[in-house]
């Protein structure tokens, strides 16, 4: 579900991708509506880079993102499976197995890419 990124979202995106100067997708020319897909698809060089960037988040920020995923306001539909799997593992290890299961359920429910 498309949303407008608020100041908190933008601050988290810039923490994860300090090189992010513009909040517009170069492929679609639309504004970003989530944090994770732009990070995964536009800024992280590979899965290891994605993991390193996600690990920059505090547990509070990671909880915020997982809460947004559970509400259907943060998308994972456009992300490569290996990045989703890495996110689930980080959530499992740092937050809880239950939260990780919720993330898997949200991903499997088919939230589609907003292109």
C-alpha atoms as a PDB file:
ATOM      1  CA  UNK A   1       0.000   0.000   0.000  1.00  0.00           C
ATOM      2  CA  UNK A   2       1.670   3.271  -1.101  1.00  0.00           C
ATOM      3  CA  UNK A   3       2.422   5.780   1.591  1.00  0.00           C
ATOM      4  CA  UNK A   4       4.260   9.038   1.838  1.00  0.00           C
ATOM      5  CA  UNK A   5       7.534   8.674   3.686  1.00  0.00           C
ATOM      6  CA  UNK A   6       7.534  10.844   6.784  1.00  0.00           C
ATOM      7  CA  UNK A   7      10.535  12.432   8.502  1.00  0.00           C
ATOM      8  CA  UNK A   8      11.233   9.295  10.555  1.00  0.00           C
ATOM      9  CA  UNK A   9      11.139   7.092   7.432  1.00  0.00           C
ATOM     10  CA  UNK A  10      13.447   9.445   5.544  1.00  0.00           C
ATOM     11  CA  UNK A  11      15.885   9.582   8.471  1.00  0.00           C
ATOM     12  CA  UNK A  12      16.012   5.775   8.592  1.00  0.00           C
ATOM     13  CA  UNK A  13      16.481   5.524   4.807  1.00  0.00           C
ATOM     14  CA  UNK A  14      19.312   8.071   4.930  1.00  0.00           C
ATOM     15  CA  UNK A  15      20.930   6.163   7.833  1.00  0.00           C
ATOM     16  CA  UNK A  16      20.821   2.981   5.782  1.00  0.00           C
ATOM     17  CA  UNK A  17      21.768   4.667   2.505  1.00  0.00           C
ATOM     18  CA  UNK A  18      23.652   7.903   3.229  1.00  0.00           C
ATOM     19  CA  UNK A  19      24.297   8.236  -0.504  1.00  0.00           C
ATOM     20  CA  UNK A  20      20.536   8.662  -1.074  1.00  0.00           C
ATOM     21  CA  UNK A  21      20.159  12.212  -2.343  1.00  0.00           C
ATOM     22  CA  UNK A  22      16.796  11.910  -4.062  1.00  0.00           C
ATOM     23  CA  UNK A  23      13.708  10.034  -2.900  1.00  0.00           C
ATOM     24  CA  UNK A  24      12.743   9.100  -6.463  1.00  0.00           C
ATOM     25  CA  UNK A  25      13.124   5.676  -8.065  1.00  0.00           C
ATOM     26  CA  UNK A  26      15.331   5.985 -11.127  1.00  0.00           C
ATOM     27  CA  UNK A  27      13.515   3.082 -12.832  1.00  0.00           C
ATOM     28  CA  UNK A  28       9.944   4.320 -12.475  1.00  0.00           C
ATOM     29  CA  UNK A  29      10.516   8.008 -11.722  1.00  0.00           C
ATOM     30  CA  UNK A  30       8.093   7.683  -8.788  1.00  0.00           C
ATOM     31  CA  UNK A  31       8.805   8.717  -5.220  1.00  0.00           C
ATOM     32  CA  UNK A  32       9.835   5.965  -2.834  1.00  0.00           C
ATOM     33  CA  UNK A  33       6.911   4.680  -0.753  1.00  0.00           C
ATOM     34  CA  UNK A  34       8.919   2.287   1.434  1.00  0.00           C
ATOM     35  CA  UNK A  35      12.344   1.995   3.023  1.00  0.00           C
ATOM     36  CA  UNK A  36      13.363  -1.592   2.284  1.00  0.00           C
ATOM     37  CA  UNK A  37      12.858  -1.958  -1.501  1.00  0.00           C
ATOM     38  CA  UNK A  38      14.907   1.149  -2.373  1.00  0.00           C
ATOM     39  CA  UNK A  39      17.615   0.003   0.016  1.00  0.00           C
ATOM     40  CA  UNK A  40      17.655  -3.475  -1.489  1.00  0.00           C
ATOM     41  CA  UNK A  41      17.271  -2.526  -5.155  1.00  0.00           C
ATOM     42  CA  UNK A  42      18.974   0.849  -5.508  1.00  0.00           C
ATOM     43  CA  UNK A  43      21.608   1.231  -2.818  1.00  0.00           C
ATOM     44  CA  UNK A  44      22.866  -2.123  -1.514  1.00  0.00           C
ATOM     45  CA  UNK A  45      25.486  -3.565  -3.849  1.00  0.00           C
ATOM     46  CA  UNK A  46      24.652  -7.157  -2.928  1.00  0.00           C
ATOM     47  CA  UNK A  47      23.136  -9.270  -0.162  1.00  0.00           C
ATOM     48  CA  UNK A  48      26.145  -8.807   2.144  1.00  0.00           C
ATOM     49  CA  UNK A  49      25.907  -5.035   1.733  1.00  0.00           C
ATOM     50  CA  UNK A  50      22.157  -5.190   2.440  1.00  0.00           C
ATOM     51  CA  UNK A  51      22.834  -7.143   5.659  1.00  0.00           C
ATOM     52  CA  UNK A  52      25.521  -4.671   6.745  1.00  0.00           C
ATOM     53  CA  UNK A  53      23.170  -1.765   6.164  1.00  0.00           C
ATOM     54  CA  UNK A  54      20.229  -3.368   8.026  1.00  0.00           C
ATOM     55  CA  UNK A  55      22.548  -4.054  10.951  1.00  0.00           C
ATOM     56  CA  UNK A  56      23.033  -0.266  11.290  1.00  0.00           C
ATOM     57  CA  UNK A  57      19.500  -0.037  12.648  1.00  0.00           C
ATOM     58  CA  UNK A  58      18.893   0.178  16.359  1.00  0.00           C
ATOM     59  CA  UNK A  59      16.461  -2.379  17.736  1.00  0.00           C
ATOM     60  CA  UNK A  60      13.924   0.440  18.077  1.00  0.00           C
ATOM     61  CA  UNK A  61      14.272   1.319  14.367  1.00  0.00           C
ATOM     62  CA  UNK A  62      14.110  -2.350  13.385  1.00  0.00           C
ATOM     63  CA  UNK A  63      10.941  -2.722  15.467  1.00  0.00           C
ATOM     64  CA  UNK A  64       9.451   0.334  13.759  1.00  0.00           C
ATOM     65  CA  UNK A  65      10.089  -1.208  10.329  1.00  0.00           C
ATOM     66  CA  UNK A  66       8.673  -4.588  11.363  1.00  0.00           C
ATOM     67  CA  UNK A  67       5.576  -2.854  12.767  1.00  0.00           C
ATOM     68  CA  UNK A  68       5.136  -1.062   9.444  1.00  0.00           C
ATOM     69  CA  UNK A  69       5.496  -4.396   7.595  1.00  0.00           C
ATOM     70  CA  UNK A  70       2.835  -5.990   9.801  1.00  0.00           C
ATOM     71  CA  UNK A  71       0.472  -3.069   9.129  1.00  0.00           C
ATOM     72  CA  UNK A  72       1.031  -3.458   5.378  1.00  0.00           C
ATOM     73  CA  UNK A  73       2.630  -0.018   5.146  1.00  0.00           C
ATOM     74  CA  UNK A  74       6.200  -1.182   4.414  1.00  0.00           C
ATOM     75  CA  UNK A  75       6.649  -3.278   1.288  1.00  0.00           C
ATOM     76  CA  UNK A  76       8.963  -6.220   0.661  1.00  0.00           C
ATOM     77  CA  UNK A  77       7.380  -7.307  -2.630  1.00  0.00           C
ATOM     78  CA  UNK A  78      10.058  -5.869  -4.895  1.00  0.00           C
ATOM     79  CA  UNK A  79      12.983  -7.222  -2.890  1.00  0.00           C
ATOM     80  CA  UNK A  80      15.134 -10.182  -3.925  1.00  0.00           C
ATOM     81  CA  UNK A  81      14.298 -13.291  -1.876  1.00  0.00           C
ATOM     82  CA  UNK A  82      17.803 -13.431  -0.396  1.00  0.00           C
ATOM     83  CA  UNK A  83      17.376  -9.934   1.069  1.00  0.00           C
ATOM     84  CA  UNK A  84      13.998 -10.866   2.557  1.00  0.00           C
ATOM     85  CA  UNK A  85      15.572 -13.994   4.055  1.00  0.00           C
ATOM     86  CA  UNK A  86      18.423 -11.923   5.498  1.00  0.00           C
ATOM     87  CA  UNK A  87      15.962  -9.455   7.018  1.00  0.00           C
ATOM     88  CA  UNK A  88      13.978 -12.310   8.578  1.00  0.00           C
ATOM     89  CA  UNK A  89      17.151 -13.775  10.106  1.00  0.00           C
ATOM     90  CA  UNK A  90      18.190 -10.399  11.551  1.00  0.00           C
ATOM     91  CA  UNK A  91      14.689  -9.860  12.973  1.00  0.00           C
ATOM     92  CA  UNK A  92      14.724 -13.404  14.411  1.00  0.00           C
ATOM     93  CA  UNK A  93      18.125 -12.917  16.044  1.00  0.00           C
ATOM     94  CA  UNK A  94      17.671  -9.358  17.295  1.00  0.00           C
ATOM     95  CA  UNK A  95      13.953  -9.047  18.049  1.00  0.00           C
ATOM     96  CA  UNK A  96      12.162 -12.385  18.315  1.00  0.00           C
ATOM     97  CA  UNK A  97      11.249 -15.565  16.447  1.00  0.00           C
ATOM     98  CA  UNK A  98       7.575 -14.512  16.633  1.00  0.00           C
ATOM     99  CA  UNK A  99       8.299 -11.181  14.929  1.00  0.00           C
ATOM    100  CA  UNK A 100      10.288 -13.019  12.247  1.00  0.00           C
ATOM    101  CA  UNK A 101       7.278 -15.314  11.628  1.00  0.00           C
ATOM    102  CA  UNK A 102       5.067 -12.235  11.255  1.00  0.00           C
ATOM    103  CA  UNK A 103       7.468 -10.845   8.639  1.00  0.00           C
ATOM    104  CA  UNK A 104       7.399 -14.135   6.719  1.00  0.00           C
ATOM    105  CA  UNK A 105       3.583 -14.137   6.831  1.00  0.00           C
ATOM    106  CA  UNK A 106       3.434 -10.563   5.539  1.00  0.00           C
ATOM    107  CA  UNK A 107       5.841 -11.418   2.712  1.00  0.00           C
ATOM    108  CA  UNK A 108       3.924 -14.580   1.776  1.00  0.00           C
ATOM    109  CA  UNK A 109       0.607 -12.721   1.774  1.00  0.00           C
ATOM    110  CA  UNK A 110       1.715 -11.259  -1.553  1.00  0.00           C
ATOM    111  CA  UNK A 111       2.229  -7.556  -1.004  1.00  0.00           C
ATOM    112  CA  UNK A 112       3.094  -6.602  -4.558  1.00  0.00           C
ATOM    113  CA  UNK A 113       5.599  -4.194  -5.970  1.00  0.00           C
ATOM    114  CA  UNK A 114       4.081  -0.761  -6.480  1.00  0.00           C
ATOM    115  CA  UNK A 115       5.352  -0.166 -10.028  1.00  0.00           C
END
